[in-house]
């Protein structure tokens, strides 16, 4: 599923199955991703909390700051949760 660059701001994706999804650079600000399945997904340039990942989920440059502030990026969701 190609959702790269998609504007998903404020969407309710709670519990959704987004396995193998391409979410590179997607705007996920305010999106509910609690329990969302993201195994084998590519989250590069996006951010998500409390999601289901596996060793093949790609992460990197996850933005942990609001859009009106200079971007602070981290390499994985665990660090993003700690930073947020």
Protein backbone atom coordinates (compact mmCIF):
# COMPACT_ATOMS: atom_id res chain seq x y z
CA UNK A 1 0.00 0.00 0.00
CA UNK A 2 1.58 3.28 -1.10
CA UNK A 3 0.76 6.12 1.30
CA UNK A 4 4.07 7.94 0.89
CA UNK A 5 3.59 11.67 1.25
CA UNK A 6 -0.10 11.23 2.12
CA UNK A 7 -1.83 13.75 4.37
CA UNK A 8 -3.37 11.62 7.11
CA UNK A 9 -3.47 14.40 9.69
CA UNK A 10 -6.04 13.67 12.40
CA UNK A 11 -7.14 10.35 10.87
CA UNK A 12 -8.30 7.55 13.14
CA UNK A 13 -6.19 4.55 12.13
CA UNK A 14 -6.50 2.87 15.52
CA UNK A 15 -6.00 -0.87 15.09
CA UNK A 16 -5.65 -0.57 11.30
CA UNK A 17 -3.63 -3.10 9.34
CA UNK A 18 -0.96 -1.17 7.51
CA UNK A 19 1.52 -4.01 7.16
CA UNK A 20 3.97 -3.45 4.28
CA UNK A 21 2.64 0.11 3.82
CA UNK A 22 4.90 2.79 2.37
CA UNK A 23 4.39 5.74 4.73
CA UNK A 24 7.59 7.60 3.89
CA UNK A 25 7.10 11.29 4.59
CA UNK A 26 3.40 10.88 5.40
CA UNK A 27 1.83 13.65 7.50
CA UNK A 28 0.65 11.72 10.57
CA UNK A 29 0.30 14.68 12.93
CA UNK A 30 -2.58 14.04 15.30
CA UNK A 31 -3.28 10.65 13.71
CA UNK A 32 -4.41 7.91 16.09
CA UNK A 33 -2.12 4.94 15.51
CA UNK A 34 -2.69 3.09 18.77
CA UNK A 35 -2.38 -0.61 18.12
CA UNK A 36 -1.87 -0.09 14.40
CA UNK A 37 -0.07 -2.98 12.68
CA UNK A 38 2.96 -1.64 10.82
CA UNK A 39 5.13 -4.73 10.38
CA UNK A 40 7.28 -4.54 7.22
CA UNK A 41 6.15 -0.90 6.78
CA UNK A 42 8.43 2.02 5.89
CA UNK A 43 7.98 4.90 8.36
CA UNK A 44 10.98 6.95 7.25
CA UNK A 45 10.23 10.61 7.89
CA UNK A 46 7.01 9.90 9.82
CA UNK A 47 6.09 9.29 13.47
CA UNK A 48 3.85 6.89 15.36
CA UNK A 49 3.26 5.68 18.95
CA UNK A 50 2.23 2.34 20.44
CA UNK A 51 2.27 0.49 17.15
CA UNK A 52 3.09 -3.09 16.21
CA UNK A 53 6.43 -3.33 14.45
CA UNK A 54 8.76 -6.11 13.46
CA UNK A 55 12.41 -6.36 12.48
CA UNK A 56 11.55 -5.48 8.87
CA UNK A 57 9.73 -2.22 9.67
CA UNK A 58 11.89 0.60 8.33
CA UNK A 59 12.32 3.67 10.52
CA UNK A 60 14.43 6.79 10.33
CA UNK A 61 14.18 10.56 10.50
CA UNK A 62 11.01 10.39 12.60
CA UNK A 63 9.89 13.93 13.42
CA UNK A 64 9.11 14.54 17.11
CA UNK A 65 8.38 18.28 17.05
CA UNK A 66 5.26 20.27 16.13
CA UNK A 67 5.18 21.74 12.60
CA UNK A 68 5.69 25.31 13.83
CA UNK A 69 9.06 24.45 15.42
CA UNK A 70 12.39 23.44 13.91
CA UNK A 71 12.31 19.73 13.06
CA UNK A 72 13.93 17.35 15.53
CA UNK A 73 14.36 13.86 14.12
CA UNK A 74 15.14 10.51 15.72
CA UNK A 75 15.99 7.13 14.23
CA UNK A 76 13.30 4.93 15.77
CA UNK A 77 9.94 4.95 17.52
CA UNK A 78 11.37 3.94 20.90
CA UNK A 79 13.53 7.06 20.94
CA UNK A 80 10.61 9.14 19.59
CA UNK A 81 8.40 8.01 22.48
CA UNK A 82 11.15 8.86 24.95
CA UNK A 83 11.62 12.29 23.32
CA UNK A 84 7.90 13.12 23.07
